[in-house]
N, C-alpha and C. Protein backbone atom coordinates (compact mmCIF):
# COMPACT_ATOMS: atom_id res chain seq x y z
N MET A 1 4.24 107.92 -41.78
CA MET A 1 3.96 108.71 -40.99
C MET A 1 2.70 109.61 -41.32
N ALA A 2 1.32 109.81 -40.98
CA ALA A 2 0.56 110.41 -41.70
C ALA A 2 0.46 112.01 -41.66
N SER A 3 0.52 112.80 -42.72
CA SER A 3 0.42 114.26 -42.26
C SER A 3 -0.61 114.72 -41.43
N LYS A 4 -0.36 116.21 -40.71
CA LYS A 4 -1.11 116.85 -40.13
C LYS A 4 -2.49 116.44 -40.87
N VAL A 5 -2.55 116.80 -41.85
CA VAL A 5 -4.08 117.08 -42.45
C VAL A 5 -4.43 115.87 -42.51
N GLU A 6 -4.11 114.62 -42.75
CA GLU A 6 -4.49 113.36 -42.74
C GLU A 6 -4.92 112.72 -41.74
N ALA A 7 -4.52 113.40 -40.47
CA ALA A 7 -4.70 112.91 -39.23
C ALA A 7 -6.06 113.45 -38.78
N PHE A 8 -6.06 114.35 -39.41
CA PHE A 8 -7.81 115.28 -39.20
C PHE A 8 -8.61 114.84 -40.38
N LEU A 9 -8.48 115.24 -41.70
CA LEU A 9 -9.16 114.73 -42.78
C LEU A 9 -8.64 113.87 -43.25
N SER A 10 -9.54 112.67 -43.61
CA SER A 10 -8.74 111.44 -44.85
C SER A 10 -8.63 112.33 -46.03
N ALA A 11 -7.67 111.56 -46.89
CA ALA A 11 -7.31 111.98 -48.05
C ALA A 11 -8.47 112.63 -48.91
N ASN A 12 -9.62 111.87 -48.34
CA ASN A 12 -10.45 111.92 -49.65
C ASN A 12 -11.10 113.20 -49.43
N ASP A 13 -11.58 113.53 -47.82
CA ASP A 13 -12.06 114.63 -46.90
C ASP A 13 -11.14 115.94 -47.69
N GLU A 14 -9.96 115.66 -47.67
CA GLU A 14 -8.93 116.83 -47.88
C GLU A 14 -9.62 117.00 -49.47
N GLU A 15 -9.41 116.36 -50.20
CA GLU A 15 -9.82 116.47 -51.62
C GLU A 15 -10.96 117.11 -51.82
N GLU A 16 -12.25 116.75 -51.04
CA GLU A 16 -13.59 117.58 -51.19
C GLU A 16 -13.12 118.69 -50.67
N VAL A 17 -12.45 119.10 -49.53
CA VAL A 17 -12.43 120.14 -49.06
C VAL A 17 -11.78 121.58 -50.04
N VAL A 18 -10.70 121.17 -50.53
CA VAL A 18 -9.60 121.53 -51.79
C VAL A 18 -11.16 121.84 -53.13
N GLU A 19 -11.84 121.09 -53.50
CA GLU A 19 -12.69 121.14 -54.74
C GLU A 19 -13.64 122.19 -54.18
N ALA A 20 -14.32 122.20 -52.62
CA ALA A 20 -14.74 123.17 -52.45
C ALA A 20 -14.56 124.41 -52.52
N ILE A 21 -13.17 124.60 -51.92
CA ILE A 21 -12.28 126.19 -52.61
C ILE A 21 -12.44 126.24 -53.98
N ARG A 22 -12.21 125.47 -54.76
CA ARG A 22 -12.19 125.92 -56.07
C ARG A 22 -13.43 126.16 -56.57
N LYS A 23 -14.52 125.04 -56.60
CA LYS A 23 -16.01 125.39 -56.88
C LYS A 23 -16.18 126.94 -55.86
N ALA A 24 -15.82 127.49 -54.82
CA ALA A 24 -16.41 128.55 -54.27
C ALA A 24 -15.67 129.89 -54.85
N GLU A 25 -14.29 129.77 -55.53
CA GLU A 25 -13.65 130.31 -56.36
C GLU A 25 -14.09 130.65 -57.52
N LEU A 26 -14.72 130.04 -57.83
CA LEU A 26 -15.56 129.96 -59.61
C LEU A 26 -16.70 131.27 -59.36
N ARG A 27 -16.89 131.20 -57.95
CA ARG A 27 -18.20 132.31 -58.13
C ARG A 27 -17.80 133.61 -57.60
N THR A 28 -16.82 133.86 -57.09
CA THR A 28 -15.76 134.88 -56.40
C THR A 28 -14.83 135.05 -56.51
N SER A 29 -14.25 136.33 -56.44
CA SER A 29 -12.48 136.58 -56.88
C SER A 29 -12.01 136.51 -55.49
N GLY A 30 -12.68 136.20 -54.67
CA GLY A 30 -12.31 136.43 -53.03
C GLY A 30 -11.15 134.49 -53.50
N GLU A 31 -10.25 135.05 -52.21
CA GLU A 31 -9.14 134.08 -52.35
C GLU A 31 -9.44 133.17 -51.13
N ILE A 32 -9.67 131.87 -50.89
CA ILE A 32 -9.93 131.09 -50.17
C ILE A 32 -8.83 130.15 -49.31
N ARG A 33 -8.65 130.42 -48.13
CA ARG A 33 -7.61 129.00 -47.68
C ARG A 33 -7.84 128.68 -46.57
N VAL A 34 -7.39 127.22 -46.11
CA VAL A 34 -7.59 126.58 -44.95
C VAL A 34 -6.45 126.29 -44.45
N HIS A 35 -6.13 126.53 -43.29
CA HIS A 35 -5.19 126.59 -42.56
C HIS A 35 -5.53 125.11 -41.46
N LEU A 36 -4.89 124.22 -40.94
CA LEU A 36 -4.83 123.68 -39.77
C LEU A 36 -3.41 123.46 -39.02
N GLU A 37 -3.60 123.46 -37.68
CA GLU A 37 -2.17 122.89 -37.09
C GLU A 37 -3.17 122.23 -35.65
N ARG A 38 -2.30 121.52 -35.10
CA ARG A 38 -2.83 120.46 -33.61
C ARG A 38 -3.14 121.38 -32.70
N THR A 39 -2.53 122.88 -32.15
CA THR A 39 -3.03 123.34 -31.18
C THR A 39 -2.66 125.00 -31.17
N CYS A 40 -3.65 125.60 -30.43
CA CYS A 40 -3.20 127.30 -30.37
C CYS A 40 -3.34 127.70 -29.14
N ALA A 41 -2.16 128.21 -28.29
CA ALA A 41 -1.75 128.40 -27.17
C ALA A 41 -2.62 129.36 -26.47
N GLY A 42 -3.17 130.77 -27.11
CA GLY A 42 -4.06 131.46 -26.71
C GLY A 42 -5.46 131.43 -27.99
N ASN A 43 -5.83 132.92 -28.40
CA ASN A 43 -7.06 133.10 -28.89
C ASN A 43 -6.80 132.82 -30.43
N ALA A 44 -7.84 132.15 -30.93
CA ALA A 44 -7.89 131.27 -32.44
C ALA A 44 -7.99 132.08 -33.08
N TYR A 45 -8.79 133.71 -33.15
CA TYR A 45 -8.93 134.76 -33.82
C TYR A 45 -7.33 135.40 -34.14
N THR A 46 -6.88 135.50 -32.99
CA THR A 46 -5.44 136.47 -32.87
C THR A 46 -4.40 135.40 -33.91
N ARG A 47 -3.95 134.11 -33.23
CA ARG A 47 -3.65 133.08 -34.43
C ARG A 47 -3.87 133.31 -35.81
N ALA A 48 -4.89 133.13 -35.92
CA ALA A 48 -5.40 133.55 -37.59
C ALA A 48 -5.13 134.57 -38.35
N GLN A 49 -5.14 135.60 -37.54
CA GLN A 49 -4.61 137.04 -37.96
C GLN A 49 -2.74 136.84 -38.23
N GLU A 50 -1.97 136.11 -36.99
CA GLU A 50 -0.76 135.87 -37.44
C GLU A 50 -0.86 135.28 -38.67
N LEU A 51 -1.31 134.33 -38.79
CA LEU A 51 -1.19 133.02 -40.09
C LEU A 51 -1.84 133.82 -41.26
N PHE A 52 -2.68 134.67 -41.26
CA PHE A 52 -3.00 135.23 -42.33
C PHE A 52 -1.91 136.15 -43.33
N HIS A 53 -1.33 136.84 -42.43
CA HIS A 53 -0.05 137.51 -43.06
C HIS A 53 1.06 136.66 -43.47
N LEU A 54 1.16 135.69 -42.16
CA LEU A 54 2.44 134.72 -42.91
C LEU A 54 2.08 134.25 -43.99
N LEU A 55 0.80 133.60 -44.60
CA LEU A 55 0.71 132.97 -45.30
C LEU A 55 0.51 133.73 -46.92
N LYS A 56 1.00 135.32 -46.59
CA LYS A 56 0.54 136.29 -47.45
C LYS A 56 -0.97 136.70 -48.09
N MET A 57 -1.97 136.27 -47.13
CA MET A 57 -2.95 136.35 -47.90
C MET A 57 -3.33 137.76 -47.94
N ASP A 58 -2.87 138.35 -47.30
CA ASP A 58 -2.74 140.11 -47.11
C ASP A 58 -2.26 140.75 -48.38
N ASN A 59 -1.72 140.05 -49.06
CA ASN A 59 -1.28 140.88 -50.28
C ASN A 59 -2.19 140.66 -51.63
N THR A 60 -3.41 139.92 -51.31
CA THR A 60 -4.22 140.40 -52.89
C THR A 60 -5.08 141.52 -53.34
N LYS A 61 -5.13 141.53 -54.78
CA LYS A 61 -5.08 143.00 -55.72
C LYS A 61 -6.33 143.05 -54.62
N ASP A 62 -7.33 142.52 -54.33
CA ASP A 62 -8.63 143.13 -54.00
C ASP A 62 -8.78 143.15 -52.50
N ALA A 63 -7.71 142.59 -51.70
CA ALA A 63 -7.56 142.68 -50.16
C ALA A 63 -8.89 142.04 -49.94
N ASN A 64 -9.35 140.97 -50.46
CA ASN A 64 -10.56 140.06 -50.63
C ASN A 64 -9.78 138.09 -50.09
N GLY A 65 -8.82 138.42 -49.38
CA GLY A 65 -8.55 136.92 -48.90
C GLY A 65 -9.72 136.03 -47.62
N ILE A 66 -9.56 135.24 -47.51
CA ILE A 66 -10.52 134.63 -46.36
C ILE A 66 -9.78 133.30 -46.13
N LEU A 67 -9.80 133.60 -44.50
CA LEU A 67 -8.85 132.29 -43.97
C LEU A 67 -9.85 131.73 -43.33
N PHE A 68 -9.82 129.86 -43.06
CA PHE A 68 -10.21 129.24 -42.25
C PHE A 68 -9.51 128.55 -41.15
N TYR A 69 -9.02 128.81 -40.04
CA TYR A 69 -8.19 128.41 -39.44
C TYR A 69 -8.89 127.79 -38.17
N LEU A 70 -8.25 126.37 -37.79
CA LEU A 70 -8.32 125.44 -37.59
C LEU A 70 -7.25 125.03 -36.24
N ALA A 71 -7.50 124.69 -34.99
CA ALA A 71 -6.63 123.85 -34.11
C ALA A 71 -7.07 122.78 -33.76
N VAL A 72 -6.71 122.12 -34.28
CA VAL A 72 -7.68 120.50 -34.30
C VAL A 72 -7.54 120.19 -32.63
N ASP A 73 -6.07 119.62 -32.37
CA ASP A 73 -6.64 118.96 -30.74
C ASP A 73 -7.35 119.90 -29.83
N ASP A 74 -6.94 121.67 -30.04
CA ASP A 74 -7.65 122.32 -28.96
C ASP A 74 -9.33 122.58 -29.43
N ARG A 75 -9.92 122.18 -30.58
CA ARG A 75 -10.78 122.77 -31.16
C ARG A 75 -11.74 123.57 -31.00
N LYS A 76 -10.34 124.94 -31.62
CA LYS A 76 -10.23 126.05 -31.88
C LYS A 76 -10.57 126.31 -33.18
N PHE A 77 -11.68 127.57 -33.79
CA PHE A 77 -11.46 128.09 -34.92
C PHE A 77 -11.65 129.06 -35.09
N ALA A 78 -11.32 129.78 -36.32
CA ALA A 78 -11.55 131.13 -36.69
C ALA A 78 -11.94 131.71 -38.10
N VAL A 79 -12.40 132.57 -38.36
CA VAL A 79 -12.67 132.69 -40.12
C VAL A 79 -12.42 133.92 -40.03
N LEU A 80 -11.50 134.18 -40.84
CA LEU A 80 -11.19 136.04 -40.89
C LEU A 80 -10.88 136.06 -42.36
N GLY A 81 -11.64 137.60 -42.85
CA GLY A 81 -11.31 137.88 -43.70
C GLY A 81 -10.37 139.35 -43.93
N ASP A 82 -10.22 139.38 -44.97
CA ASP A 82 -9.07 141.16 -45.51
C ASP A 82 -9.96 142.12 -45.64
N SER A 83 -9.51 142.92 -45.29
CA SER A 83 -9.85 144.64 -45.19
C SER A 83 -10.71 144.48 -46.30
N GLY A 84 -10.65 144.07 -47.64
CA GLY A 84 -11.92 144.93 -48.40
C GLY A 84 -12.98 144.12 -48.52
N ILE A 85 -12.86 142.88 -47.74
CA ILE A 85 -14.17 142.27 -47.73
C ILE A 85 -14.96 143.11 -46.23
N ASN A 86 -14.18 143.26 -45.30
CA ASN A 86 -14.89 143.92 -44.04
C ASN A 86 -15.26 145.29 -44.14
N ASN A 87 -14.96 145.78 -45.54
CA ASN A 87 -15.36 147.23 -45.80
C ASN A 87 -16.76 146.97 -46.50
N VAL A 88 -16.94 145.86 -46.62
CA VAL A 88 -18.55 145.96 -47.38
C VAL A 88 -19.29 144.81 -47.10
N VAL A 89 -18.82 144.09 -46.17
CA VAL A 89 -20.15 143.16 -45.50
C VAL A 89 -20.35 143.65 -44.27
N PRO A 90 -21.98 142.79 -44.17
CA PRO A 90 -22.66 143.33 -42.90
C PRO A 90 -22.15 143.00 -41.42
N ASP A 91 -21.75 143.37 -40.80
CA ASP A 91 -21.47 143.13 -39.07
C ASP A 91 -21.52 142.02 -38.78
N ASN A 92 -22.43 141.38 -39.33
CA ASN A 92 -22.73 139.83 -38.39
C ASN A 92 -22.18 138.55 -39.51
N PHE A 93 -21.54 139.22 -40.56
CA PHE A 93 -21.55 137.88 -41.44
C PHE A 93 -20.12 136.79 -41.03
N TRP A 94 -19.30 137.12 -40.81
CA TRP A 94 -18.16 136.28 -40.49
C TRP A 94 -18.80 135.26 -39.18
N ASN A 95 -19.47 135.75 -38.30
CA ASN A 95 -20.71 135.30 -37.49
C ASN A 95 -21.69 134.37 -38.00
N SER A 96 -22.02 134.82 -39.08
CA SER A 96 -23.32 133.32 -39.97
C SER A 96 -22.34 132.45 -40.73
N ILE A 97 -21.14 133.07 -40.97
CA ILE A 97 -20.29 131.52 -41.57
C ILE A 97 -20.07 130.79 -39.94
N LYS A 98 -19.40 131.19 -39.63
CA LYS A 98 -18.88 130.63 -38.23
C LYS A 98 -20.12 129.72 -37.65
N ASP A 99 -21.18 130.37 -37.43
CA ASP A 99 -22.63 129.51 -37.04
C ASP A 99 -22.53 128.19 -37.62
N GLY A 100 -22.84 128.38 -38.74
CA GLY A 100 -23.01 127.38 -39.69
C GLY A 100 -22.05 125.90 -39.67
N MET A 101 -20.67 126.43 -38.96
CA MET A 101 -19.47 125.36 -39.44
C MET A 101 -19.66 124.75 -37.99
N GLU A 102 -19.85 126.02 -36.98
CA GLU A 102 -19.80 125.18 -36.24
C GLU A 102 -21.24 124.06 -35.67
N ALA A 103 -22.13 124.04 -36.20
CA ALA A 103 -23.08 123.15 -35.84
C ALA A 103 -22.51 122.05 -36.70
N ARG A 104 -21.95 121.71 -37.57
CA ARG A 104 -21.36 120.67 -38.03
C ARG A 104 -20.10 119.92 -37.13
N PHE A 105 -19.36 120.99 -36.68
CA PHE A 105 -17.99 120.54 -36.00
C PHE A 105 -18.99 120.18 -34.58
N ARG A 106 -19.75 120.63 -33.93
CA ARG A 106 -20.25 119.89 -32.88
C ARG A 106 -20.44 118.19 -32.59
N GLU A 107 -20.94 118.05 -34.29
CA GLU A 107 -21.70 116.79 -34.58
C GLU A 107 -20.09 115.99 -35.10
N SER A 108 -18.79 116.27 -34.89
CA SER A 108 -17.87 116.07 -35.21
C SER A 108 -17.88 115.58 -36.84
N GLU A 109 -18.56 116.29 -37.52
CA GLU A 109 -18.66 116.82 -39.05
C GLU A 109 -17.32 117.43 -39.44
N PHE A 110 -16.27 117.24 -39.38
CA PHE A 110 -15.26 118.47 -39.65
C PHE A 110 -14.92 118.74 -41.00
N LYS A 111 -15.33 117.90 -41.70
CA LYS A 111 -15.27 117.82 -43.48
C LYS A 111 -16.40 118.85 -43.64
N LYS A 112 -17.74 118.48 -43.23
CA LYS A 112 -19.09 119.24 -43.71
C LYS A 112 -19.00 120.45 -43.10
N GLY A 113 -18.50 120.27 -42.32
CA GLY A 113 -18.28 122.08 -41.62
C GLY A 113 -17.41 122.83 -42.29
N LEU A 114 -15.96 122.38 -42.52
CA LEU A 114 -15.30 123.06 -43.67
C LEU A 114 -15.65 123.65 -45.04
N VAL A 115 -16.63 122.52 -45.25
CA VAL A 115 -17.19 122.74 -46.72
C VAL A 115 -18.25 123.67 -46.78
N THR A 116 -19.33 123.64 -45.96
CA THR A 116 -19.98 124.29 -45.62
C THR A 116 -20.18 126.00 -45.37
N GLY A 117 -18.70 126.10 -44.46
CA GLY A 117 -18.21 127.50 -44.49
C GLY A 117 -17.79 128.22 -45.73
N ILE A 118 -16.84 127.03 -46.20
CA ILE A 118 -16.49 127.63 -47.65
C ILE A 118 -17.33 127.98 -48.71
N GLU A 119 -18.56 127.26 -48.79
CA GLU A 119 -19.54 127.59 -49.77
C GLU A 119 -20.33 128.39 -49.45
N LEU A 120 -20.90 128.76 -48.41
CA LEU A 120 -21.52 130.29 -47.71
C LEU A 120 -20.64 130.99 -48.10
N VAL A 121 -19.33 131.21 -48.12
CA VAL A 121 -18.27 132.63 -48.25
C VAL A 121 -18.39 132.52 -49.84
N GLY A 122 -18.63 131.44 -50.47
CA GLY A 122 -18.48 131.64 -52.03
C GLY A 122 -19.96 132.17 -52.80
N GLU A 123 -20.99 131.91 -52.07
CA GLU A 123 -21.76 132.02 -52.28
C GLU A 123 -22.36 133.42 -52.16
N LYS A 124 -21.86 134.37 -50.64
CA LYS A 124 -22.17 135.43 -50.21
C LYS A 124 -21.18 136.50 -50.55
N LEU A 125 -19.90 136.40 -50.64
CA LEU A 125 -18.90 136.86 -51.41
C LEU A 125 -19.14 137.40 -52.80
N ALA A 126 -19.98 136.19 -53.81
CA ALA A 126 -19.96 136.79 -55.04
C ALA A 126 -20.71 137.28 -55.05
N ALA A 127 -21.99 138.49 -54.90
CA ALA A 127 -22.23 139.84 -54.56
C ALA A 127 -21.13 140.73 -54.52
N TYR A 128 -20.67 140.49 -53.73
CA TYR A 128 -19.73 141.57 -53.72
C TYR A 128 -18.17 141.47 -53.92
N PHE A 129 -18.00 140.57 -54.54
CA PHE A 129 -16.39 139.99 -55.22
C PHE A 129 -16.72 139.41 -56.58
N PRO A 130 -17.64 139.34 -57.37
CA PRO A 130 -17.60 138.18 -58.30
C PRO A 130 -16.52 137.94 -59.28
N TRP A 131 -16.61 136.49 -59.89
CA TRP A 131 -15.71 136.24 -60.46
C TRP A 131 -15.39 136.94 -61.69
N HIS A 132 -14.63 136.88 -62.58
CA HIS A 132 -14.63 137.58 -63.93
C HIS A 132 -13.89 136.30 -64.86
N LYS A 133 -13.85 136.49 -66.21
CA LYS A 133 -13.24 135.81 -66.67
C LYS A 133 -11.75 135.86 -66.77
N ASN A 134 -11.49 137.20 -66.38
CA ASN A 134 -9.59 137.24 -66.29
C ASN A 134 -9.19 137.08 -64.69
N ASP A 135 -10.03 136.68 -64.15
CA ASP A 135 -10.01 136.61 -62.31
C ASP A 135 -8.46 135.19 -62.29
N VAL A 136 -7.62 135.93 -61.58
CA VAL A 136 -6.15 134.97 -61.27
C VAL A 136 -6.28 134.55 -59.91
N ASN A 137 -6.68 133.19 -60.28
CA ASN A 137 -6.21 132.71 -58.74
C ASN A 137 -4.67 132.86 -57.84
N GLU A 138 -4.91 133.85 -57.01
CA GLU A 138 -3.85 134.49 -56.37
C GLU A 138 -3.15 133.71 -55.26
N LEU A 139 -3.77 132.90 -54.66
CA LEU A 139 -2.92 131.91 -53.54
C LEU A 139 -3.66 130.26 -53.58
N PRO A 140 -2.25 129.15 -53.62
CA PRO A 140 -2.67 127.86 -53.38
C PRO A 140 -4.06 127.50 -53.08
N ASP A 141 -5.07 126.81 -53.25
CA ASP A 141 -5.96 125.98 -52.80
C ASP A 141 -5.62 125.00 -51.81
N GLN A 142 -4.53 124.31 -51.82
CA GLN A 142 -4.34 123.32 -50.87
C GLN A 142 -4.20 123.74 -49.42
N ILE A 143 -4.61 122.93 -48.62
CA ILE A 143 -4.84 123.01 -47.05
C ILE A 143 -3.29 122.93 -46.84
N SER A 144 -3.00 124.40 -46.01
CA SER A 144 -1.69 124.40 -45.38
C SER A 144 -1.88 123.97 -43.67
N THR A 145 -0.57 123.48 -43.43
CA THR A 145 -1.00 123.29 -42.18
C THR A 145 0.71 124.07 -41.32
N SER A 146 0.70 124.05 -40.21
CA SER A 146 1.82 124.49 -39.15
C SER A 146 1.65 123.53 -37.89
């Protein structure tokens, strides 16, 4: 039986998304995670907030965790960052990330959408949270599911 990730992304796609996370985290000390689940009964942003806490993303040293959340069957997604990021980025920051992803998602290019969002986050957050040589990877890079 295929995992939830494999049902949505091929093994190669999953590797490319994880590699995009690793590369982005070489530019920024921000901690990036991707979480997939089949359905989301309510609002995707609200669900992402719940998962952010359950995944302990609100425990990073600089409050700079970023969650890419996708409810695959419902075609809902949210991108959310911790307070340390939200205190320094412009108001339209998350919408600009989501817009780049949504364009790919509309074309059913889900891996490209995720990679686009991850790359943008890495690039833009480097200005606020640059990577340092003694930076510690505080959260796993693998895609989580529920």
